[in-house]
Amino acid sequence: MQIATVRAAAASRLCLWVLLALAGSVLARSTLPEVALADLPKEARDLRVSIDRGGPFHYSRDGVVFGNRERILPSMPRGYYHEYTVRTPGASDRAARRMVCGGPRTTPEVCYYSDDHYQSFRRVRP
């Protein structure tokens, strides 16, 4: 009898965890602010053209897998998101501006813009 109770409790916890994960993903999709591509800085617009063409990119880290450790973006399997540096005029390093795109590298399903090094994101509308 106790084994059945333990299994039922474990199954309940697993179901709750799955529901919370799904709810978090849906919530992230619905609550992230959006921005039109045309309203982003010129460097971000130019970068999006380069992403669609498969390059060229200015930084060696452009196109690497983005781990989504901040968990701000919707939860997706590892390898779904790739990060790119949005050039910042006058900066001597990569600075803080990034674009993270999900899906195939040259035909992303979605892109997000961050101007504060992943502290916040806005979904980019075409």
C-alpha atoms as a PDB file:
ATOM      1  CA  MET A   1       0.000   0.000   0.000  1.00  0.00           C
ATOM      2  CA  GLN A   2       2.785   2.466   0.845  1.00  0.00           C
ATOM      3  CA  ILE A   3       4.571   1.843  -2.463  1.00  0.00           C
ATOM      4  CA  ALA A   4       1.417   2.759  -4.380  1.00  0.00           C
ATOM      5  CA  THR A   5       1.080   5.943  -2.327  1.00  0.00           C
ATOM      6  CA  VAL A   6       4.716   6.917  -2.961  1.00  0.00           C
ATOM      7  CA  ARG A   7       4.326   6.273  -6.696  1.00  0.00           C
ATOM      8  CA  ALA A   8       1.118   8.293  -6.846  1.00  0.00           C
ATOM      9  CA  ALA A   9       2.774  11.186  -5.024  1.00  0.00           C
ATOM     10  CA  ALA A  10       5.782  11.060  -7.377  1.00  0.00           C
ATOM     11  CA  ALA A  11       3.493  10.981 -10.409  1.00  0.00           C
ATOM     12  CA  SER A  12       1.555  13.961  -9.045  1.00  0.00           C
ATOM     13  CA  ARG A  13       4.765  15.944  -8.531  1.00  0.00           C
ATOM     14  CA  LEU A  14       5.928  15.098 -12.042  1.00  0.00           C
ATOM     15  CA  CYS A  15       2.614  16.208 -13.550  1.00  0.00           C
ATOM     16  CA  LEU A  16       2.745  19.443 -11.566  1.00  0.00           C
ATOM     17  CA  TRP A  17       6.314  20.101 -12.728  1.00  0.00           C
ATOM     18  CA  VAL A  18       5.361  19.534 -16.373  1.00  0.00           C
ATOM     19  CA  LEU A  19       2.330  21.818 -16.071  1.00  0.00           C
ATOM     20  CA  LEU A  20       4.411  24.554 -14.440  1.00  0.00           C
ATOM     21  CA  ALA A  21       7.063  24.266 -17.160  1.00  0.00           C
ATOM     22  CA  LEU A  22       4.435  24.533 -19.896  1.00  0.00           C
ATOM     23  CA  ALA A  23       2.725  27.428 -18.173  1.00  0.00           C
ATOM     24  CA  GLY A  24       6.064  29.228 -17.835  1.00  0.00           C
ATOM     25  CA  SER A  25       6.769  28.798 -21.521  1.00  0.00           C
ATOM     26  CA  VAL A  26       3.351  30.124 -22.535  1.00  0.00           C
ATOM     27  CA  LEU A  27       3.640  33.004 -20.070  1.00  0.00           C
ATOM     28  CA  ALA A  28       7.063  33.985 -21.420  1.00  0.00           C
ATOM     29  CA  ARG A  29       5.711  34.031 -24.977  1.00  0.00           C
ATOM     30  CA  SER A  30       2.749  36.175 -24.060  1.00  0.00           C
ATOM     31  CA  THR A  31       4.446  38.664 -21.741  1.00  0.00           C
ATOM     32  CA  LEU A  32       7.619  39.594 -23.599  1.00  0.00           C
ATOM     33  CA  PRO A  33       7.312  43.036 -25.154  1.00  0.00           C
ATOM     34  CA  GLU A  34       7.616  43.342 -28.920  1.00  0.00           C
ATOM     35  CA  VAL A  35       9.469  45.738 -31.163  1.00  0.00           C
ATOM     36  CA  ALA A  36       9.280  46.220 -34.916  1.00  0.00           C
ATOM     37  CA  LEU A  37      12.510  45.474 -36.764  1.00  0.00           C
ATOM     38  CA  ALA A  38      12.226  48.928 -38.331  1.00  0.00           C
ATOM     39  CA  ASP A  39      12.327  50.501 -34.851  1.00  0.00           C
ATOM     40  CA  LEU A  40      15.623  48.838 -33.876  1.00  0.00           C
ATOM     41  CA  PRO A  41      19.001  50.527 -34.368  1.00  0.00           C
ATOM     42  CA  LYS A  42      20.439  50.344 -37.892  1.00  0.00           C
ATOM     43  CA  GLU A  43      23.108  47.906 -36.698  1.00  0.00           C
ATOM     44  CA  ALA A  44      20.407  45.468 -35.516  1.00  0.00           C
ATOM     45  CA  ARG A  45      18.551  45.734 -38.832  1.00  0.00           C
ATOM     46  CA  ASP A  46      21.792  45.108 -40.738  1.00  0.00           C
ATOM     47  CA  LEU A  47      22.576  42.131 -38.503  1.00  0.00           C
ATOM     48  CA  ARG A  48      19.186  40.578 -39.205  1.00  0.00           C
ATOM     49  CA  VAL A  49      19.933  40.759 -42.953  1.00  0.00           C
ATOM     50  CA  SER A  50      23.284  39.042 -42.298  1.00  0.00           C
ATOM     51  CA  ILE A  51      21.568  36.325 -40.240  1.00  0.00           C
ATOM     52  CA  ASP A  52      19.167  35.618 -43.093  1.00  0.00           C
ATOM     53  CA  ARG A  53      22.115  35.403 -45.515  1.00  0.00           C
ATOM     54  CA  GLY A  54      24.204  33.199 -43.224  1.00  0.00           C
ATOM     55  CA  GLY A  55      26.810  35.922 -42.695  1.00  0.00           C
ATOM     56  CA  PRO A  56      29.186  37.582 -42.769  1.00  0.00           C
ATOM     57  CA  PHE A  57      29.419  38.351 -39.068  1.00  0.00           C
ATOM     58  CA  HIS A  58      31.795  40.709 -37.277  1.00  0.00           C
ATOM     59  CA  TYR A  59      32.514  38.659 -34.165  1.00  0.00           C
ATOM     60  CA  SER A  60      33.779  35.100 -33.715  1.00  0.00           C
ATOM     61  CA  ARG A  61      31.053  34.380 -31.130  1.00  0.00           C
ATOM     62  CA  ASP A  62      28.247  35.246 -33.564  1.00  0.00           C
ATOM     63  CA  GLY A  63      26.062  32.217 -34.220  1.00  0.00           C
ATOM     64  CA  VAL A  64      27.040  30.218 -31.133  1.00  0.00           C
ATOM     65  CA  VAL A  65      24.342  28.387 -29.199  1.00  0.00           C
ATOM     66  CA  PHE A  66      22.565  30.582 -26.662  1.00  0.00           C
ATOM     67  CA  GLY A  67      21.911  28.647 -23.452  1.00  0.00           C
ATOM     68  CA  ASN A  68      18.971  30.749 -22.187  1.00  0.00           C
ATOM     69  CA  ARG A  69      20.334  30.471 -18.625  1.00  0.00           C
ATOM     70  CA  GLU A  70      18.397  33.601 -17.697  1.00  0.00           C
ATOM     71  CA  ARG A  71      15.186  31.728 -18.606  1.00  0.00           C
ATOM     72  CA  ILE A  72      13.612  34.885 -19.949  1.00  0.00           C
ATOM     73  CA  LEU A  73      12.993  33.435 -23.411  1.00  0.00           C
ATOM     74  CA  PRO A  74      10.519  30.598 -23.908  1.00  0.00           C
ATOM     75  CA  SER A  75      12.006  27.243 -22.938  1.00  0.00           C
ATOM     76  CA  MET A  76      13.239  25.322 -25.972  1.00  0.00           C
ATOM     77  CA  PRO A  77      15.656  22.418 -26.487  1.00  0.00           C
ATOM     78  CA  ARG A  78      19.373  23.252 -26.330  1.00  0.00           C
ATOM     79  CA  GLY A  79      20.605  24.339 -29.741  1.00  0.00           C
ATOM     80  CA  TYR A  80      17.376  26.079 -30.736  1.00  0.00           C
ATOM     81  CA  TYR A  81      18.656  29.587 -29.922  1.00  0.00           C
ATOM     82  CA  HIS A  82      21.775  31.246 -31.387  1.00  0.00           C
ATOM     83  CA  GLU A  83      23.222  34.558 -30.293  1.00  0.00           C
ATOM     84  CA  TYR A  84      24.660  37.398 -32.338  1.00  0.00           C
ATOM     85  CA  THR A  85      26.340  40.678 -31.387  1.00  0.00           C
ATOM     86  CA  VAL A  86      24.696  43.896 -32.505  1.00  0.00           C
ATOM     87  CA  ARG A  87      27.564  46.291 -33.187  1.00  0.00           C
ATOM     88  CA  THR A  88      27.710  49.366 -31.002  1.00  0.00           C
ATOM     89  CA  PRO A  89      29.354  52.375 -32.694  1.00  0.00           C
ATOM     90  CA  GLY A  90      32.304  53.647 -30.694  1.00  0.00           C
ATOM     91  CA  ALA A  91      32.572  50.547 -28.493  1.00  0.00           C
ATOM     92  CA  SER A  92      35.980  48.895 -28.246  1.00  0.00           C
ATOM     93  CA  ASP A  93      34.444  45.510 -27.399  1.00  0.00           C
ATOM     94  CA  ARG A  94      31.222  43.612 -28.114  1.00  0.00           C
ATOM     95  CA  ALA A  95      29.296  45.857 -25.690  1.00  0.00           C
ATOM     96  CA  ALA A  96      25.806  44.832 -24.497  1.00  0.00           C
ATOM     97  CA  ARG A  97      23.551  44.675 -27.540  1.00  0.00           C
ATOM     98  CA  ARG A  98      22.565  41.199 -28.736  1.00  0.00           C
ATOM     99  CA  MET A  99      20.098  39.460 -31.009  1.00  0.00           C
ATOM    100  CA  VAL A 100      19.065  35.900 -30.175  1.00  0.00           C
ATOM    101  CA  CYS A 101      17.273  33.928 -32.874  1.00  0.00           C
ATOM    102  CA  GLY A 102      15.509  30.588 -32.630  1.00  0.00           C
ATOM    103  CA  GLY A 103      15.083  27.907 -35.245  1.00  0.00           C
ATOM    104  CA  PRO A 104      17.160  27.271 -38.371  1.00  0.00           C
ATOM    105  CA  ARG A 105      20.151  29.598 -38.566  1.00  0.00           C
ATOM    106  CA  THR A 106      19.370  31.182 -41.940  1.00  0.00           C
ATOM    107  CA  THR A 107      15.586  31.146 -41.595  1.00  0.00           C
ATOM    108  CA  PRO A 108      14.932  31.861 -37.921  1.00  0.00           C
ATOM    109  CA  GLU A 109      11.407  31.329 -36.630  1.00  0.00           C
ATOM    110  CA  VAL A 110      11.789  34.117 -34.093  1.00  0.00           C
ATOM    111  CA  CYS A 111      14.359  36.702 -32.997  1.00  0.00           C
ATOM    112  CA  TYR A 112      14.714  38.648 -29.761  1.00  0.00           C
ATOM    113  CA  TYR A 113      16.646  41.854 -29.153  1.00  0.00           C
ATOM    114  CA  SER A 114      18.475  42.739 -25.935  1.00  0.00           C
ATOM    115  CA  ASP A 115      20.236  46.055 -25.400  1.00  0.00           C
ATOM    116  CA  ASP A 116      21.289  45.200 -21.838  1.00  0.00           C
ATOM    117  CA  HIS A 117      23.227  41.926 -22.264  1.00  0.00           C
ATOM    118  CA  TYR A 118      20.339  39.508 -21.719  1.00  0.00           C
ATOM    119  CA  GLN A 119      18.747  41.273 -18.739  1.00  0.00           C
ATOM    120  CA  SER A 120      15.654  41.876 -20.858  1.00  0.00           C
ATOM    121  CA  PHE A 121      14.414  40.919 -24.311  1.00  0.00           C
ATOM    122  CA  ARG A 122      11.927  42.185 -26.847  1.00  0.00           C
ATOM    123  CA  ARG A 123      10.514  39.927 -29.536  1.00  0.00           C
ATOM    124  CA  VAL A 124      11.352  41.333 -32.966  1.00  0.00           C
ATOM    125  CA  ARG A 125       8.438  41.705 -35.359  1.00  0.00           C
ATOM    126  CA  PRO A 126       9.345  41.686 -39.080  1.00  0.00           C
END
